[in-house]
Amino acid sequence: MSPSTSPRFFTEREVARHCTADSCWVLLGTRVYDVTAFLRMHPGGEALIRSRSGRDISRAMDGPPHRHSENARRWMEQYYIGELDRDSSAQEAQTLRGRNKASEETAGQTAEETPENKLDPHNLCSSVDLDNDLVDWRKPLAWQVGHLGEKYDAWVHQPVDRPIRLFGNPFLEASTKTSWYWVPIVWLPIVLYFSWDCYTTLAKGTTRISLTSDISIPIHKYLFPVLFMMGWFLWSFIEYCIHRFVFHMKPPAHNYYLITLHFLLHGQHHKSPFDGSRLVFPPGLASIVVGSFYVILSYMLPDIIGTSVFVGGLCGYVIYDMIHYYLHYGSPKRGSYMYGLKAYHVKHHFEHQRSGFGITTTFWDRPFNTLIPDEKF
């Protein structure tokens, strides 16, 4: 709701009626929120919100067991739709809404409405203050964020539920978006091919690792699963390092280019964490990392052994991207491993941006002391 728009008023009975997956409202004091669009995103699961639908959630927001962060509260404001009218009857509330609707229609006549505006997804979900935000959301953001300087870090970690346009050029903009299913479509055939090739090569019994000129160790085909899992484990460490040291580098406030690079690599994801078109790596960008991984392993290990480790790492990457997408849009069963990962990752986005860098596992957060404290939802 625009700050300049008069609030709508609802009775308690009206709010209580919105308690389904198709229309879910909650109260925070006297403020009314339509959180239907957030049900699948909630780290505690859809059922947790629906069990409190139509009621005041102030105590749940303050905890225990979980006290919601300032970013979570700021995020919730995007779903604000009006105020609770405790004193008026349903008929009076209807009259108030009628007046507000008439005033909104009058104000709307001053704005030119085109088919393009009706179809623009930016018009569907936004409570960003377009007039007072640090960037102009009506224009591509890629070339603006570098000018934020020392304000960039705080700005980028205040998430919004709004699509981001990075570039004005349609081709460049499209190249930054990838639907989740392209990851398995592109990479799984490669995983399957290399797995078959490595296993059949090892099955010939001719692969050996030479320790000295006289001593060598044969590598049996049954060692392929071990090498494969070693690659998967190695990827989990690379995943942690990239997320922590590259994606979460803190660019110098005076460096326009590093700020811009950080925003393109990962900052845009923290600013709009539920932009479904930017939750997985575009295959073109991922191929640079995958290719580097293959070259390094081929140089360090004997040919077929290096390839066996590589294919395990590549499979780990595919699983990583799929899990990352699911953590943002999936609804895992309460108490499951994925439920814990989802809660952990959402806390990383909303409260602990300088810790919690593991995506598929929290294993590496422990020895590097970046583990987010355990907190139940």
Protein backbone atom coordinates (compact mmCIF):
# COMPACT_ATOMS: atom_id res chain seq x y z
CA MET A 1 0.00 0.00 0.00
CA SER A 2 1.36 3.36 -0.97
CA PRO A 3 2.14 5.66 1.96
CA SER A 4 -0.03 8.35 0.38
CA THR A 5 -3.10 6.07 0.18
CA SER A 6 -5.68 6.29 2.96
CA PRO A 7 -5.82 3.03 4.97
CA ARG A 8 -8.70 0.64 4.46
CA PHE A 9 -10.67 -0.53 7.49
CA PHE A 10 -11.82 -4.05 8.35
CA THR A 11 -13.81 -5.56 11.16
CA GLU A 12 -12.50 -8.49 13.22
CA ARG A 13 -15.09 -10.76 11.63
CA GLU A 14 -13.86 -9.86 8.14
CA VAL A 15 -10.25 -10.55 9.07
CA ALA A 16 -11.16 -13.88 10.68
CA ARG A 17 -12.84 -15.07 7.47
CA HIS A 18 -9.51 -14.97 5.60
CA CYS A 19 -7.97 -18.16 6.95
CA THR A 20 -7.33 -20.31 3.88
CA ALA A 21 -4.36 -20.97 1.62
CA ASP A 22 -6.03 -18.82 -1.04
CA SER A 23 -6.57 -15.86 1.29
CA CYS A 24 -4.66 -15.64 4.56
CA TRP A 25 -4.77 -12.49 6.70
CA VAL A 26 -3.21 -11.80 10.08
CA LEU A 27 -3.20 -8.95 12.58
CA LEU A 28 -0.27 -7.19 14.20
CA GLY A 29 -1.98 -5.04 16.77
CA THR A 30 -4.55 -3.12 14.75
CA ARG A 31 -2.67 -3.46 11.46
CA VAL A 32 -4.02 -5.94 8.92
CA TYR A 33 -1.72 -7.97 6.62
CA ASP A 34 -2.53 -10.19 3.67
CA VAL A 35 0.28 -12.78 3.88
CA THR A 36 -1.14 -15.18 1.26
CA ALA A 37 1.85 -14.67 -1.04
CA PHE A 38 4.26 -15.40 1.82
CA LEU A 39 2.81 -18.75 2.93
CA ARG A 40 5.19 -20.94 0.90
CA MET A 41 8.17 -18.75 1.75
CA HIS A 42 7.77 -18.81 5.53
CA PRO A 43 10.67 -20.70 7.14
CA GLY A 44 8.37 -22.16 9.76
CA GLY A 45 6.11 -23.61 7.10
CA GLU A 46 2.71 -22.72 5.70
CA ALA A 47 0.79 -24.51 8.44
CA LEU A 48 2.34 -22.35 11.15
CA ILE A 49 0.97 -19.14 9.65
CA ARG A 50 -2.40 -20.64 8.78
CA SER A 51 -2.83 -21.82 12.37
CA ARG A 52 -2.66 -18.16 13.40
CA SER A 53 -4.63 -16.71 10.47
CA GLY A 54 -7.31 -14.17 11.25
CA ARG A 55 -5.74 -13.44 14.63
CA ASP A 56 -3.20 -11.14 16.28
CA ILE A 57 0.34 -12.52 15.90
CA SER A 58 2.11 -9.90 18.05
CA ARG A 59 3.16 -12.43 20.71
CA ALA A 60 4.37 -14.89 18.06
CA MET A 61 6.47 -12.14 16.44
CA ASP A 62 8.10 -11.21 19.76
CA GLY A 63 8.70 -14.80 20.86
CA PRO A 64 9.53 -17.08 22.49
CA PRO A 65 10.60 -19.38 20.96
CA HIS A 66 11.62 -17.16 18.05
CA ARG A 67 11.92 -13.39 18.12
CA HIS A 68 11.62 -12.07 14.59
CA SER A 69 14.34 -9.73 13.34
CA GLU A 70 13.92 -6.13 12.23
CA ASN A 71 14.35 -7.26 8.62
CA ALA A 72 11.50 -9.75 9.08
CA ARG A 73 9.28 -6.98 10.44
CA ARG A 74 10.27 -4.66 7.62
CA TRP A 75 9.52 -7.44 5.13
CA MET A 76 6.06 -7.93 6.63
CA GLU A 77 5.15 -4.31 5.92
CA GLN A 78 5.01 -5.22 2.24
CA TYR A 79 1.80 -7.14 2.94
CA TYR A 80 0.04 -4.36 4.88
CA ILE A 81 -3.48 -3.75 3.54
CA GLY A 82 -5.26 -1.69 6.19
CA GLU A 83 -6.38 -1.17 9.77
CA LEU A 84 -8.67 -3.00 12.17
CA ASP A 85 -11.84 -1.07 13.02
CA ARG A 86 -12.75 -2.43 16.46
CA ASP A 87 -15.53 0.05 17.22
CA SER A 88 -17.52 0.29 14.03
CA SER A 89 -20.11 -2.25 12.94
CA ALA A 90 -19.66 -4.21 9.75
CA GLN A 91 -22.00 -1.78 7.98
CA GLU A 92 -19.94 1.24 9.07
CA ALA A 93 -16.72 -0.47 8.00
CA GLN A 94 -18.31 -1.14 4.63
CA THR A 95 -19.17 2.56 4.33
CA LEU A 96 -15.60 3.53 5.18
CA ARG A 97 -14.26 1.14 2.58
CA GLY A 98 -16.68 2.53 0.03
CA ARG A 99 -15.42 6.02 0.66
CA ASN A 100 -11.80 4.90 0.41
CA LYS A 101 -12.52 3.03 -2.82
CA ALA A 102 -14.18 6.11 -4.31
CA SER A 103 -11.21 8.29 -3.35
CA GLU A 104 -8.76 5.77 -4.77
CA GLU A 105 -10.69 5.60 -8.04
CA THR A 106 -10.68 9.37 -8.27
CA ALA A 107 -6.95 9.50 -7.67
CA GLY A 108 -6.40 6.72 -10.17
CA GLN A 109 -8.01 8.74 -12.93
CA THR A 110 -5.02 11.09 -12.89
CA ALA A 111 -2.60 8.32 -13.80
CA GLU A 112 -2.33 7.06 -17.35
CA GLU A 113 -3.03 3.31 -17.47
CA THR A 114 -1.59 1.27 -20.32
CA PRO A 115 -1.67 -2.47 -21.11
CA GLU A 116 2.05 -2.59 -20.39
CA ASN A 117 1.54 -1.23 -16.88
CA LYS A 118 -1.17 -3.80 -16.19
CA LEU A 119 1.09 -6.67 -17.19
CA ASP A 120 4.28 -5.40 -15.55
CA PRO A 121 5.15 -7.76 -12.64
CA HIS A 122 6.74 -4.82 -10.82
CA ASN A 123 3.20 -3.51 -10.27
CA LEU A 124 2.07 -6.72 -8.58
CA CYS A 125 4.22 -6.78 -5.45
CA SER A 126 5.88 -3.72 -4.05
CA SER A 127 5.77 -1.54 -1.03
CA VAL A 128 9.12 0.03 -1.85
CA ASP A 129 8.96 3.77 -1.37
CA LEU A 130 9.72 4.72 -4.95
CA ASP A 131 10.19 8.38 -4.08
CA ASN A 132 12.49 7.99 -1.08
CA ASP A 133 14.48 4.80 -1.71
CA LEU A 134 18.21 5.13 -2.30
CA VAL A 135 17.83 3.86 -5.88
CA ASP A 136 15.28 4.51 -8.61
CA TRP A 137 13.35 1.25 -8.96
CA ARG A 138 11.82 2.48 -12.20
CA LYS A 139 15.24 2.13 -13.85
CA PRO A 140 17.71 -0.81 -14.11
CA LEU A 141 19.62 -1.17 -10.85
CA ALA A 142 22.97 -2.57 -12.04
CA TRP A 143 24.54 0.80 -12.77
CA GLN A 144 22.95 2.60 -9.80
CA VAL A 145 24.08 0.57 -6.79
CA GLY A 146 27.75 1.42 -7.17
CA HIS A 147 26.93 5.03 -6.28
CA LEU A 148 25.49 4.03 -2.88
CA GLY A 149 28.96 3.89 -1.35
CA GLU A 150 28.96 3.26 2.38
CA LYS A 151 25.15 2.96 2.35
CA TYR A 152 25.24 -0.06 0.04
CA ASP A 153 25.84 -2.77 2.66
CA ALA A 154 22.88 -1.75 4.84
CA TRP A 155 20.62 -1.22 1.80
CA VAL A 156 21.34 -4.56 0.15
CA HIS A 157 20.60 -6.45 3.38
CA GLN A 158 17.13 -4.98 3.73
CA PRO A 159 15.19 -7.51 1.60
CA VAL A 160 12.08 -6.72 -0.42
CA ASP A 161 9.50 -8.91 -2.11
CA ARG A 162 9.84 -7.29 -5.52
CA PRO A 163 11.37 -8.31 -8.86
CA ILE A 164 14.64 -6.63 -9.77
CA ARG A 165 15.55 -5.38 -13.21
CA LEU A 166 19.32 -5.32 -13.56
CA PHE A 167 19.79 -4.16 -17.16
CA GLY A 168 17.89 -2.09 -19.65
CA ASN A 169 19.02 -4.25 -22.55
CA PRO A 170 16.51 -7.13 -22.93
CA PHE A 171 19.18 -9.65 -23.95
CA LEU A 172 21.44 -8.85 -20.99
CA GLU A 173 18.48 -8.93 -18.63
CA ALA A 174 17.32 -12.31 -19.94
CA SER A 175 20.84 -13.75 -19.58
CA THR A 176 20.72 -13.14 -15.81
CA LYS A 177 17.56 -15.23 -15.35
CA THR A 178 17.36 -19.01 -15.24
CA SER A 179 14.44 -21.30 -14.47
CA TRP A 180 15.36 -23.99 -11.95
CA TYR A 181 14.76 -26.91 -14.34
CA TRP A 182 17.58 -25.82 -16.67
CA VAL A 183 20.16 -26.88 -14.08
CA PRO A 184 19.32 -30.62 -14.20
CA ILE A 185 18.57 -30.44 -17.93
CA VAL A 186 22.04 -29.07 -18.71
CA TRP A 187 24.22 -30.79 -16.11
CA LEU A 188 22.69 -34.16 -15.25
CA PRO A 189 23.40 -35.70 -18.71
CA ILE A 190 27.04 -34.70 -18.23
CA VAL A 191 27.05 -36.26 -14.76
CA LEU A 192 25.57 -39.49 -16.11
CA TYR A 193 27.96 -39.68 -19.06
CA PHE A 194 31.12 -39.10 -17.03
CA SER A 195 29.94 -41.49 -14.31
CA TRP A 196 29.45 -44.26 -16.88
CA ASP A 197 32.77 -43.46 -18.57
CA CYS A 198 34.72 -43.48 -15.30
CA TYR A 199 33.15 -46.69 -14.04
CA THR A 200 33.70 -48.61 -17.30
CA THR A 201 37.28 -47.36 -17.54
CA LEU A 202 38.05 -48.44 -13.98
CA ALA A 203 36.35 -51.79 -14.70
CA LYS A 204 39.08 -52.59 -17.24
CA GLY A 205 41.50 -53.00 -14.34
CA THR A 206 44.30 -51.04 -15.97
CA THR A 207 44.18 -47.95 -13.74
CA ARG A 208 46.98 -47.73 -11.19
CA ILE A 209 48.52 -45.04 -9.00
CA SER A 210 52.32 -45.15 -9.00
CA LEU A 211 53.95 -44.51 -5.64
CA THR A 212 57.49 -45.22 -6.83
CA SER A 213 59.02 -46.57 -10.01
CA ASP A 214 58.51 -50.09 -8.67
CA ILE A 215 55.35 -49.77 -6.57
CA SER A 216 51.86 -48.96 -7.79
CA ILE A 217 48.35 -49.40 -6.40
CA PRO A 218 45.51 -50.71 -8.58
CA ILE A 219 42.26 -48.69 -8.56
CA HIS A 220 39.31 -51.05 -8.73
CA LYS A 221 35.93 -50.15 -10.20
CA TYR A 222 34.35 -50.52 -6.77
CA LEU A 223 36.32 -47.48 -5.63
CA PHE A 224 34.36 -45.27 -8.02
CA PRO A 225 31.59 -44.52 -5.44
CA VAL A 226 34.30 -43.52 -2.95
CA LEU A 227 35.93 -41.14 -5.44
CA PHE A 228 32.50 -39.82 -6.41
CA MET A 229 31.62 -39.03 -2.78
CA MET A 230 35.02 -37.43 -2.26
CA GLY A 231 34.17 -35.04 -5.09
CA TRP A 232 30.76 -34.33 -3.57
CA PHE A 233 32.39 -33.62 -0.19
CA LEU A 234 34.98 -31.39 -1.86
CA TRP A 235 32.18 -29.43 -3.55
CA SER A 236 30.52 -28.78 -0.19
CA PHE A 237 33.72 -27.04 0.92
CA ILE A 238 33.96 -25.06 -2.34
CA GLU A 239 30.28 -24.10 -1.93
CA TYR A 240 31.03 -22.73 1.54
CA CYS A 241 34.14 -20.82 0.42
CA ILE A 242 32.45 -19.22 -2.61
CA HIS A 243 29.45 -18.18 -0.56
CA ARG A 244 31.51 -16.75 2.28
CA PHE A 245 34.55 -15.22 0.62
CA VAL A 246 33.21 -14.24 -2.82
CA PHE A 247 29.46 -13.71 -2.49
CA HIS A 248 29.77 -12.12 0.94
CA MET A 249 32.85 -10.04 0.42
CA LYS A 250 32.30 -6.52 1.71
CA PRO A 251 33.26 -4.24 -1.19
CA PRO A 252 35.06 -1.00 -0.29
CA ALA A 253 32.60 1.87 -0.02
CA HIS A 254 34.64 3.99 -2.45
CA ASN A 255 34.91 1.31 -5.18
CA TYR A 256 32.00 1.65 -7.63
CA TYR A 257 33.03 -1.37 -9.69
CA LEU A 258 33.40 -3.84 -6.81
CA ILE A 259 30.05 -2.79 -5.38
CA THR A 260 28.45 -3.31 -8.78
CA LEU A 261 30.18 -6.70 -9.19
CA HIS A 262 29.03 -7.81 -5.73
CA PHE A 263 25.44 -6.80 -6.49
CA LEU A 264 25.44 -8.72 -9.77
CA LEU A 265 26.97 -11.84 -8.22
CA HIS A 266 24.96 -12.07 -5.02
CA GLY A 267 23.75 -8.73 -3.66
CA GLN A 268 20.65 -8.76 -5.86
CA HIS A 269 19.70 -12.13 -4.36
CA HIS A 270 19.83 -10.73 -0.83
CA LYS A 271 17.86 -7.67 -1.87
CA SER A 272 15.14 -9.77 -3.52
CA PRO A 273 15.54 -13.28 -2.05
CA PHE A 274 12.31 -14.66 -3.52
CA ASP A 275 12.91 -13.68 -7.13
CA GLY A 276 12.38 -17.17 -8.55
CA SER A 277 14.21 -16.43 -11.80
CA ARG A 278 17.50 -15.74 -10.00
CA LEU A 279 17.79 -18.56 -7.47
CA VAL A 280 20.04 -20.84 -9.54
CA PHE A 281 23.19 -20.16 -11.55
CA PRO A 282 22.83 -19.47 -15.27
CA PRO A 283 24.59 -22.38 -17.05
CA GLY A 284 26.96 -20.00 -18.85
CA LEU A 285 28.28 -18.53 -15.60
CA ALA A 286 28.32 -21.91 -13.87
CA SER A 287 30.37 -23.42 -16.69
CA ILE A 288 33.30 -21.13 -15.75
CA VAL A 289 33.38 -22.56 -12.21
CA VAL A 290 32.75 -26.12 -13.43
CA GLY A 291 35.48 -25.85 -16.08
CA SER A 292 37.99 -24.49 -13.56
CA PHE A 293 37.14 -27.32 -11.15
CA TYR A 294 37.75 -29.89 -13.89
CA VAL A 295 41.08 -28.39 -15.01
CA ILE A 296 42.45 -28.21 -11.44
CA LEU A 297 41.48 -31.80 -10.63
CA SER A 298 42.86 -33.09 -13.93
CA TYR A 299 46.17 -31.39 -13.16
CA MET A 300 46.39 -32.65 -9.56
CA LEU A 301 45.14 -36.23 -10.01
CA PRO A 302 45.65 -39.01 -12.57
CA ASP A 303 43.24 -38.65 -15.48
CA ILE A 304 40.38 -41.03 -14.70
CA ILE A 305 40.67 -40.51 -10.93
CA GLY A 306 40.47 -36.75 -11.34
CA THR A 307 37.43 -37.17 -13.59
CA SER A 308 35.76 -39.45 -11.03
CA VAL A 309 36.21 -36.86 -8.30
CA PHE A 310 35.06 -34.12 -10.69
CA VAL A 311 31.80 -35.84 -11.60
CA GLY A 312 30.99 -36.25 -7.89
CA GLY A 313 31.62 -32.55 -7.38
CA LEU A 314 29.46 -31.67 -10.39
CA CYS A 315 26.63 -33.76 -8.99
CA GLY A 316 27.09 -31.94 -5.67
CA TYR A 317 26.70 -28.63 -7.49
CA VAL A 318 23.44 -29.74 -9.14
CA ILE A 319 22.06 -30.85 -5.76
CA TYR A 320 23.21 -27.55 -4.24
CA ASP A 321 21.30 -25.45 -6.78
CA MET A 322 18.16 -27.58 -6.44
CA ILE A 323 18.27 -27.42 -2.64
CA HIS A 324 18.82 -23.67 -2.73
CA TYR A 325 15.72 -23.20 -4.87
CA TYR A 326 13.71 -25.50 -2.60
CA LEU A 327 14.81 -23.64 0.53
CA HIS A 328 13.22 -20.50 -0.89
CA TYR A 329 10.06 -21.96 -2.40
CA GLY A 330 9.55 -25.41 -0.88
CA SER A 331 7.40 -26.36 2.12
CA PRO A 332 9.36 -29.11 3.91
CA LYS A 333 7.75 -31.18 6.63
CA ARG A 334 8.23 -29.81 10.12
CA GLY A 335 11.09 -31.54 11.91
CA SER A 336 12.73 -32.82 8.70
CA TYR A 337 16.32 -32.11 7.65
CA MET A 338 15.13 -29.78 4.89
CA TYR A 339 12.90 -27.93 7.36
CA GLY A 340 15.95 -27.18 9.49
CA LEU A 341 17.96 -26.09 6.45
CA LYS A 342 15.16 -23.78 5.29
CA ALA A 343 14.90 -22.11 8.71
CA TYR A 344 18.70 -21.82 8.82
CA HIS A 345 18.95 -20.25 5.37
CA VAL A 346 16.13 -17.77 5.92
CA LYS A 347 17.82 -16.62 9.13
CA HIS A 348 20.93 -16.03 7.02
CA HIS A 349 18.92 -13.77 4.72
CA PHE A 350 16.98 -11.84 7.33
CA GLU A 351 19.16 -11.70 10.42
CA HIS A 352 22.61 -13.32 10.21
CA GLN A 353 24.07 -12.16 6.90
CA ARG A 354 27.65 -12.56 8.19
CA SER A 355 27.24 -16.20 9.17
CA GLY A 356 25.36 -19.32 8.08
CA PHE A 357 27.13 -19.76 4.74
CA GLY A 358 26.35 -23.46 4.32
CA ILE A 359 23.46 -24.22 1.95
CA THR A 360 23.27 -28.00 1.57
CA THR A 361 24.87 -28.60 4.98
CA THR A 362 25.95 -26.65 8.04
CA PHE A 363 29.06 -28.86 8.39
CA TRP A 364 31.63 -26.25 7.34
CA ASP A 365 30.06 -23.49 9.43
CA ARG A 366 31.15 -25.37 12.55
CA PRO A 367 34.97 -25.49 12.19
CA PHE A 368 35.03 -21.96 10.73
CA ASN A 369 32.89 -20.57 13.56
CA THR A 370 30.13 -19.16 11.35
CA LEU A 371 27.32 -21.35 12.66
CA ILE A 372 24.05 -19.53 13.32
CA PRO A 373 22.84 -20.20 16.89
CA ASP A 374 20.12 -22.84 17.05
CA GLU A 375 16.68 -21.35 17.45
CA LYS A 376 13.35 -23.10 17.13
CA PHE A 377 10.50 -21.76 15.03
